[in-house]
Amino acid sequence: AVYVGSGPNPPDVSSVVGNGITYTAIVSTASI
């Protein structure tokens, strides 16, 4: 979950890296 203090659009996740695993995006929600 990525929070912003103000504004309607929290930033997207650019990457998830670690453990010698390739992490692939499944889904991202609209701003909540």
Full PDB file with SEQRES, HELIX, SHEET, SSBOND, CRYST1, ORIGX, SCALE, CONECT and MASTER records, all heavy atoms in Angstrom:
SEQRES   1 A   32  ALA VAL TYR VAL GLY SER GLY PRO ASN PRO PRO ASP VAL          
SEQRES   2 A   32  SER SER VAL VAL GLY ASN GLY ILE THR TYR THR ALA ILE          
SEQRES   3 A   32  VAL SER THR ALA SER ILE                                      
CRYST1    1.000    1.000    1.000  90.00  90.00  90.00 P 1           1          
ORIGX1      1.000000  0.000000  0.000000        0.00000                         
ORIGX2      0.000000  1.000000  0.000000        0.00000                         
ORIGX3      0.000000  0.000000  1.000000        0.00000                         
SCALE1      1.000000  0.000000  0.000000        0.00000                         
SCALE2      0.000000  1.000000  0.000000        0.00000                         
SCALE3      0.000000  0.000000  1.000000        0.00000                         
ATOM      1  N   ALA A   1       0.863  -1.179   0.000  1.00  0.00           N  
ATOM      2  CA  ALA A   1       0.000   0.000   0.000  1.00  0.00           C  
ATOM      3  C   ALA A   1       0.898   1.226   0.000  1.00  0.00           C  
ATOM      4  O   ALA A   1       1.806   1.331   0.830  1.00  0.00           O  
ATOM      5  CB  ALA A   1      -0.918   0.014   1.215  1.00  0.00           C  
ATOM      6  N   VAL A   2       0.670   2.138  -0.937  1.00  0.00           N  
ATOM      7  CA  VAL A   2       1.472   3.358  -1.070  1.00  0.00           C  
ATOM      8  C   VAL A   2       0.570   4.555  -0.773  1.00  0.00           C  
ATOM      9  O   VAL A   2      -0.407   4.784  -1.478  1.00  0.00           O  
ATOM     10  CB  VAL A   2       2.084   3.479  -2.480  1.00  0.00           C  
ATOM     11  CG1 VAL A   2       2.925   4.732  -2.593  1.00  0.00           C  
ATOM     12  CG2 VAL A   2       2.902   2.246  -2.826  1.00  0.00           C  
ATOM     13  N   TYR A   3       0.907   5.290   0.294  1.00  0.00           N  
ATOM     14  CA  TYR A   3       0.124   6.443   0.729  1.00  0.00           C  
ATOM     15  C   TYR A   3       0.784   7.748   0.296  1.00  0.00           C  
ATOM     16  O   TYR A   3       2.009   7.855   0.287  1.00  0.00           O  
ATOM     17  CB  TYR A   3       0.030   6.494   2.262  1.00  0.00           C  
ATOM     18  CG  TYR A   3      -0.881   5.479   2.867  1.00  0.00           C  
ATOM     19  CD1 TYR A   3      -0.454   4.177   3.097  1.00  0.00           C  
ATOM     20  CD2 TYR A   3      -2.175   5.823   3.237  1.00  0.00           C  
ATOM     21  CE1 TYR A   3      -1.293   3.246   3.678  1.00  0.00           C  
ATOM     22  CE2 TYR A   3      -3.020   4.898   3.813  1.00  0.00           C  
ATOM     23  CZ  TYR A   3      -2.581   3.603   4.037  1.00  0.00           C  
ATOM     24  OH  TYR A   3      -3.412   2.683   4.601  1.00  0.00           O  
ATOM     25  N   VAL A   4      -0.062   8.742   0.004  1.00  0.00           N  
ATOM     26  CA  VAL A   4       0.402  10.119  -0.186  1.00  0.00           C  
ATOM     27  C   VAL A   4      -0.330  10.978   0.833  1.00  0.00           C  
ATOM     28  O   VAL A   4      -1.427  10.640   1.267  1.00  0.00           O  
ATOM     29  CB  VAL A   4       0.156  10.649  -1.609  1.00  0.00           C  
ATOM     30  CG1 VAL A   4       1.014   9.922  -2.610  1.00  0.00           C  
ATOM     31  CG2 VAL A   4      -1.298  10.583  -1.999  1.00  0.00           C  
ATOM     32  N   GLY A   5       0.279  12.065   1.230  1.00  0.00           N  
ATOM     33  CA  GLY A   5      -0.337  12.936   2.222  1.00  0.00           C  
ATOM     34  C   GLY A   5      -1.485  13.747   1.652  1.00  0.00           C  
ATOM     35  O   GLY A   5      -2.478  14.001   2.315  1.00  0.00           O  
ATOM     36  N   SER A   6      -1.357  14.161   0.414  1.00  0.00           N  
ATOM     37  CA  SER A   6      -2.413  14.934  -0.236  1.00  0.00           C  
ATOM     38  C   SER A   6      -2.349  14.673  -1.729  1.00  0.00           C  
ATOM     39  O   SER A   6      -1.367  14.155  -2.240  1.00  0.00           O  
ATOM     40  CB  SER A   6      -2.229  16.429   0.050  1.00  0.00           C  
ATOM     41  OG  SER A   6      -0.993  16.869  -0.479  1.00  0.00           O  
ATOM     42  N   GLY A   7      -3.398  15.022  -2.410  1.00  0.00           N  
ATOM     43  CA  GLY A   7      -3.451  14.771  -3.843  1.00  0.00           C  
ATOM     44  C   GLY A   7      -4.162  13.464  -4.112  1.00  0.00           C  
ATOM     45  O   GLY A   7      -4.176  12.570  -3.276  1.00  0.00           O  
ATOM     46  N   PRO A   8      -4.755  13.326  -5.273  1.00  0.00           N  
ATOM     47  CA  PRO A   8      -5.601  12.171  -5.561  1.00  0.00           C  
ATOM     48  C   PRO A   8      -4.863  10.923  -6.044  1.00  0.00           C  
ATOM     49  O   PRO A   8      -5.443   9.849  -6.055  1.00  0.00           O  
ATOM     50  CB  PRO A   8      -6.516  12.689  -6.666  1.00  0.00           C  
ATOM     51  CG  PRO A   8      -5.656  13.682  -7.387  1.00  0.00           C  
ATOM     52  CD  PRO A   8      -4.804  14.334  -6.328  1.00  0.00           C  
ATOM     53  N   ASN A   9      -3.604  11.036  -6.461  1.00  0.00           N  
ATOM     54  CA  ASN A   9      -2.972   9.914  -7.141  1.00  0.00           C  
ATOM     55  C   ASN A   9      -1.698   9.438  -6.459  1.00  0.00           C  
ATOM     56  O   ASN A   9      -0.620   9.967  -6.711  1.00  0.00           O  
ATOM     57  CB  ASN A   9      -2.659  10.289  -8.590  1.00  0.00           C  
ATOM     58  CG  ASN A   9      -3.911  10.571  -9.373  1.00  0.00           C  
ATOM     59  OD1 ASN A   9      -4.860   9.806  -9.309  1.00  0.00           O  
ATOM     60  ND2 ASN A   9      -3.935  11.672 -10.091  1.00  0.00           N  
ATOM     61  N   PRO A  10      -1.786   8.425  -5.612  1.00  0.00           N  
ATOM     62  CA  PRO A  10      -0.572   7.841  -5.034  1.00  0.00           C  
ATOM     63  C   PRO A  10       0.290   7.246  -6.147  1.00  0.00           C  
ATOM     64  O   PRO A  10      -0.224   6.776  -7.154  1.00  0.00           O  
ATOM     65  CB  PRO A  10      -1.103   6.738  -4.123  1.00  0.00           C  
ATOM     66  CG  PRO A  10      -2.529   7.094  -3.884  1.00  0.00           C  
ATOM     67  CD  PRO A  10      -2.996   7.798  -5.117  1.00  0.00           C  
ATOM     68  N   PRO A  11       1.613   7.255  -5.966  1.00  0.00           N  
ATOM     69  CA  PRO A  11       2.481   6.723  -7.021  1.00  0.00           C  
ATOM     70  C   PRO A  11       2.372   5.205  -7.142  1.00  0.00           C  
ATOM     71  O   PRO A  11       1.986   4.516  -6.203  1.00  0.00           O  
ATOM     72  CB  PRO A  11       3.884   7.128  -6.558  1.00  0.00           C  
ATOM     73  CG  PRO A  11       3.759   7.325  -5.088  1.00  0.00           C  
ATOM     74  CD  PRO A  11       2.365   7.790  -4.836  1.00  0.00           C  
ATOM     75  N   ASP A  12       2.698   4.723  -8.327  1.00  0.00           N  
ATOM     76  CA  ASP A  12       2.742   3.287  -8.569  1.00  0.00           C  
ATOM     77  C   ASP A  12       4.025   2.693  -8.009  1.00  0.00           C  
ATOM     78  O   ASP A  12       5.022   3.385  -7.822  1.00  0.00           O  
ATOM     79  CB  ASP A  12       2.698   3.002 -10.073  1.00  0.00           C  
ATOM     80  CG  ASP A  12       1.321   3.216 -10.658  1.00  0.00           C  
ATOM     81  OD1 ASP A  12       0.326   2.920  -9.973  1.00  0.00           O  
ATOM     82  OD2 ASP A  12       1.243   3.677 -11.803  1.00  0.00           O  
ATOM     83  N   VAL A  13       4.003   1.392  -7.789  1.00  0.00           N  
ATOM     84  CA  VAL A  13       5.209   0.660  -7.417  1.00  0.00           C  
ATOM     85  C   VAL A  13       6.007   0.441  -8.697  1.00  0.00           C  
ATOM     86  O   VAL A  13       5.474  -0.034  -9.698  1.00  0.00           O  
ATOM     87  CB  VAL A  13       4.862  -0.680  -6.740  1.00  0.00           C  
ATOM     88  CG1 VAL A  13       6.104  -1.531  -6.544  1.00  0.00           C  
ATOM     89  CG2 VAL A  13       4.152  -0.444  -5.420  1.00  0.00           C  
ATOM     90  N   SER A  14       7.284   0.809  -8.672  1.00  0.00           N  
ATOM     91  CA  SER A  14       8.155   0.624  -9.837  1.00  0.00           C  
ATOM     92  C   SER A  14       8.763  -0.766  -9.859  1.00  0.00           C  
ATOM     93  O   SER A  14       8.914  -1.368 -10.916  1.00  0.00           O  
ATOM     94  CB  SER A  14       9.301   1.638  -9.825  1.00  0.00           C  
ATOM     95  OG  SER A  14       8.817   2.938  -9.833  1.00  0.00           O  
ATOM     96  N   SER A  15       9.156  -1.261  -8.667  1.00  0.00           N  
ATOM     97  CA  SER A  15       9.765  -2.592  -8.620  1.00  0.00           C  
ATOM     98  C   SER A  15       9.681  -3.193  -7.225  1.00  0.00           C  
ATOM     99  O   SER A  15       9.606  -2.481  -6.227  1.00  0.00           O  
ATOM    100  CB  SER A  15      11.229  -2.532  -9.063  1.00  0.00           C  
ATOM    101  OG  SER A  15      12.000  -1.793  -8.133  1.00  0.00           O  
ATOM    102  N   VAL A  16       9.677  -4.514  -7.207  1.00  0.00           N  
ATOM    103  CA  VAL A  16       9.762  -5.323  -5.991  1.00  0.00           C  
ATOM    104  C   VAL A  16      10.901  -6.301  -6.260  1.00  0.00           C  
ATOM    105  O   VAL A  16      10.818  -7.099  -7.196  1.00  0.00           O  
ATOM    106  CB  VAL A  16       8.442  -6.056  -5.703  1.00  0.00           C  
ATOM    107  CG1 VAL A  16       8.579  -6.976  -4.508  1.00  0.00           C  
ATOM    108  CG2 VAL A  16       7.304  -5.050  -5.489  1.00  0.00           C  
ATOM    109  N   VAL A  17      11.980  -6.223  -5.461  1.00  0.00           N  
ATOM    110  CA  VAL A  17      13.193  -6.992  -5.749  1.00  0.00           C  
ATOM    111  C   VAL A  17      13.700  -7.658  -4.472  1.00  0.00           C  
ATOM    112  O   VAL A  17      13.776  -7.022  -3.420  1.00  0.00           O  
ATOM    113  CB  VAL A  17      14.296  -6.058  -6.310  1.00  0.00           C  
ATOM    114  CG1 VAL A  17      15.575  -6.820  -6.572  1.00  0.00           C  
ATOM    115  CG2 VAL A  17      13.822  -5.344  -7.562  1.00  0.00           C  
ATOM    116  N   GLY A  18      14.081  -8.927  -4.585  1.00  0.00           N  
ATOM    117  CA  GLY A  18      14.724  -9.601  -3.467  1.00  0.00           C  
ATOM    118  C   GLY A  18      14.586 -11.098  -3.525  1.00  0.00           C  
ATOM    119  O   GLY A  18      13.746 -11.645  -4.256  1.00  0.00           O  
ATOM    120  N   ASN A  19      15.415 -11.793  -2.784  1.00  0.00           N  
ATOM    121  CA  ASN A  19      15.370 -13.237  -2.575  1.00  0.00           C  
ATOM    122  C   ASN A  19      15.650 -14.063  -3.821  1.00  0.00           C  
ATOM    123  O   ASN A  19      15.336 -15.251  -3.850  1.00  0.00           O  
ATOM    124  CB  ASN A  19      14.025 -13.658  -1.969  1.00  0.00           C  
ATOM    125  CG  ASN A  19      13.672 -12.844  -0.748  1.00  0.00           C  
ATOM    126  OD1 ASN A  19      12.822 -11.973  -0.830  1.00  0.00           O  
ATOM    127  ND2 ASN A  19      14.338 -13.073   0.351  1.00  0.00           N  
ATOM    128  N   GLY A  20      16.211 -13.447  -4.863  1.00  0.00           N  
ATOM    129  CA  GLY A  20      16.467 -14.182  -6.091  1.00  0.00           C  
ATOM    130  C   GLY A  20      15.188 -14.555  -6.815  1.00  0.00           C  
ATOM    131  O   GLY A  20      15.164 -15.466  -7.645  1.00  0.00           O  
ATOM    132  N   ILE A  21      14.102 -13.850  -6.508  1.00  0.00           N  
ATOM    133  CA  ILE A  21      12.782 -14.114  -7.094  1.00  0.00           C  
ATOM    134  C   ILE A  21      12.434 -12.965  -8.035  1.00  0.00           C  
ATOM    135  O   ILE A  21      12.659 -11.805  -7.708  1.00  0.00           O  
ATOM    136  CB  ILE A  21      11.708 -14.230  -5.989  1.00  0.00           C  
ATOM    137  CG1 ILE A  21      12.024 -15.402  -5.051  1.00  0.00           C  
ATOM    138  CG2 ILE A  21      10.313 -14.371  -6.589  1.00  0.00           C  
ATOM    139  CD1 ILE A  21      11.134 -15.465  -3.816  1.00  0.00           C  
ATOM    140  N   THR A  22      11.874 -13.298  -9.200  1.00  0.00           N  
ATOM    141  CA  THR A  22      11.337 -12.266 -10.079  1.00  0.00           C  
ATOM    142  C   THR A  22       9.889 -12.042  -9.690  1.00  0.00           C  
ATOM    143  O   THR A  22       9.058 -12.950  -9.809  1.00  0.00           O  
ATOM    144  CB  THR A  22      11.428 -12.698 -11.558  1.00  0.00           C  
ATOM    145  OG1 THR A  22      12.801 -12.917 -11.889  1.00  0.00           O  
ATOM    146  CG2 THR A  22      10.843 -11.640 -12.473  1.00  0.00           C  
ATOM    147  N   TYR A  23       9.591 -10.849  -9.181  1.00  0.00           N  
ATOM    148  CA  TYR A  23       8.231 -10.502  -8.768  1.00  0.00           C  
ATOM    149  C   TYR A  23       7.518  -9.814  -9.923  1.00  0.00           C  
ATOM    150  O   TYR A  23       8.046  -8.891 -10.532  1.00  0.00           O  
ATOM    151  CB  TYR A  23       8.255  -9.593  -7.537  1.00  0.00           C  
ATOM    152  CG  TYR A  23       8.794 -10.277  -6.302  1.00  0.00           C  
ATOM    153  CD1 TYR A  23      10.108 -10.082  -5.896  1.00  0.00           C  
ATOM    154  CD2 TYR A  23       7.995 -11.126  -5.558  1.00  0.00           C  
ATOM    155  CE1 TYR A  23      10.609 -10.714  -4.763  1.00  0.00           C  
ATOM    156  CE2 TYR A  23       8.489 -11.763  -4.426  1.00  0.00           C  
ATOM    157  CZ  TYR A  23       9.794 -11.549  -4.034  1.00  0.00           C  
ATOM    158  OH  TYR A  23      10.280 -12.179  -2.920  1.00  0.00           O  
ATOM    159  N   THR A  24       6.292 -10.269 -10.210  1.00  0.00           N  
ATOM    160  CA  THR A  24       5.497  -9.767 -11.322  1.00  0.00           C  
ATOM    161  C   THR A  24       4.209  -9.155 -10.778  1.00  0.00           C  
ATOM    162  O   THR A  24       3.548  -9.761  -9.926  1.00  0.00           O  
ATOM    163  CB  THR A  24       5.148 -10.924 -12.282  1.00  0.00           C  
ATOM    164  OG1 THR A  24       6.367 -11.520 -12.739  1.00  0.00           O  
ATOM    165  CG2 THR A  24       4.336 -10.439 -13.469  1.00  0.00           C  
ATOM    166  N   ALA A  25       3.838  -7.975 -11.275  1.00  0.00           N  
ATOM    167  CA  ALA A  25       2.612  -7.319 -10.835  1.00  0.00           C  
ATOM    168  C   ALA A  25       1.395  -8.150 -11.231  1.00  0.00           C  
ATOM    169  O   ALA A  25       1.310  -8.642 -12.364  1.00  0.00           O  
ATOM    170  CB  ALA A  25       2.516  -5.924 -11.437  1.00  0.00           C  
ATOM    171  N   ILE A  26       0.473  -8.291 -10.294  1.00  0.00           N  
ATOM    172  CA  ILE A  26      -0.799  -8.962 -10.566  1.00  0.00           C  
ATOM    173  C   ILE A  26      -1.884  -7.920 -10.785  1.00  0.00           C  
ATOM    174  O   ILE A  26      -2.617  -7.959 -11.763  1.00  0.00           O  
ATOM    175  CB  ILE A  26      -1.225  -9.885  -9.399  1.00  0.00           C  
ATOM    176  CG1 ILE A  26      -0.213 -10.993  -9.185  1.00  0.00           C  
ATOM    177  CG2 ILE A  26      -2.611 -10.460  -9.656  1.00  0.00           C  
ATOM    178  CD1 ILE A  26      -0.493 -11.840  -7.952  1.00  0.00           C  
ATOM    179  N   VAL A  27      -1.996  -6.982  -9.849  1.00  0.00           N  
ATOM    180  CA  VAL A  27      -3.080  -6.002  -9.911  1.00  0.00           C  
ATOM    181  C   VAL A  27      -2.709  -4.772  -9.094  1.00  0.00           C  
ATOM    182  O   VAL A  27      -1.910  -4.847  -8.153  1.00  0.00           O  
ATOM    183  CB  VAL A  27      -4.408  -6.631  -9.404  1.00  0.00           C  
ATOM    184  CG1 VAL A  27      -4.357  -6.917  -7.922  1.00  0.00           C  
ATOM    185  CG2 VAL A  27      -5.611  -5.783  -9.756  1.00  0.00           C  
ATOM    186  N   SER A  28      -3.290  -3.643  -9.454  1.00  0.00           N  
ATOM    187  CA  SER A  28      -3.159  -2.392  -8.714  1.00  0.00           C  
ATOM    188  C   SER A  28      -4.539  -1.760  -8.650  1.00  0.00           C  
ATOM    189  O   SER A  28      -5.241  -1.719  -9.667  1.00  0.00           O  
ATOM    190  CB  SER A  28      -2.177  -1.460  -9.429  1.00  0.00           C  
ATOM    191  OG  SER A  28      -2.134  -0.202  -8.809  1.00  0.00           O  
ATOM    192  N   THR A  29      -4.938  -1.294  -7.484  1.00  0.00           N  
ATOM    193  CA  THR A  29      -6.257  -0.681  -7.353  1.00  0.00           C  
ATOM    194  C   THR A  29      -6.222   0.783  -7.761  1.00  0.00           C  
ATOM    195  O   THR A  29      -5.157   1.390  -7.848  1.00  0.00           O  
ATOM    196  CB  THR A  29      -6.770  -0.735  -5.908  1.00  0.00           C  
ATOM    197  OG1 THR A  29      -5.929   0.071  -5.077  1.00  0.00           O  
ATOM    198  CG2 THR A  29      -6.825  -2.158  -5.392  1.00  0.00           C  
ATOM    199  N   ALA A  30      -7.382   1.342  -7.968  1.00  0.00           N  
ATOM    200  CA  ALA A  30      -7.513   2.789  -8.134  1.00  0.00           C  
ATOM    201  C   ALA A  30      -7.221   3.432  -6.784  1.00  0.00           C  
ATOM    202  O   ALA A  30      -7.157   2.748  -5.753  1.00  0.00           O  
ATOM    203  CB  ALA A  30      -8.924   3.126  -8.590  1.00  0.00           C  
ATOM    204  N   SER A  31      -7.037   4.727  -6.764  1.00  0.00           N  
ATOM    205  CA  SER A  31      -6.768   5.441  -5.522  1.00  0.00           C  
ATOM    206  C   SER A  31      -7.936   5.274  -4.554  1.00  0.00           C  
ATOM    207  O   SER A  31      -9.095   5.390  -4.926  1.00  0.00           O  
ATOM    208  CB  SER A  31      -6.535   6.921  -5.819  1.00  0.00           C  
ATOM    209  OG  SER A  31      -6.223   7.607  -4.639  1.00  0.00           O  
ATOM    210  N   ILE A  32      -7.605   4.974  -3.301  1.00  0.00           N  
ATOM    211  CA  ILE A  32      -8.585   4.753  -2.238  1.00  0.00           C  
ATOM    212  C   ILE A  32      -8.278   5.754  -1.133  1.00  0.00           C  
ATOM    213  O   ILE A  32      -7.120   6.047  -0.860  1.00  0.00           O  
ATOM    214  CB  ILE A  32      -8.459   3.326  -1.671  1.00  0.00           C  
ATOM    215  CG1 ILE A  32      -8.584   2.278  -2.769  1.00  0.00           C  
ATOM    216  CG2 ILE A  32      -9.470   3.084  -0.561  1.00  0.00           C  
ATOM    217  CD1 ILE A  32      -8.111   0.903  -2.361  1.00  0.00           C  
TER     218      ILE A  32                                                      
MASTER        0    0    0    0    0    0    0    6  217    1    0    3          
END                                                                             
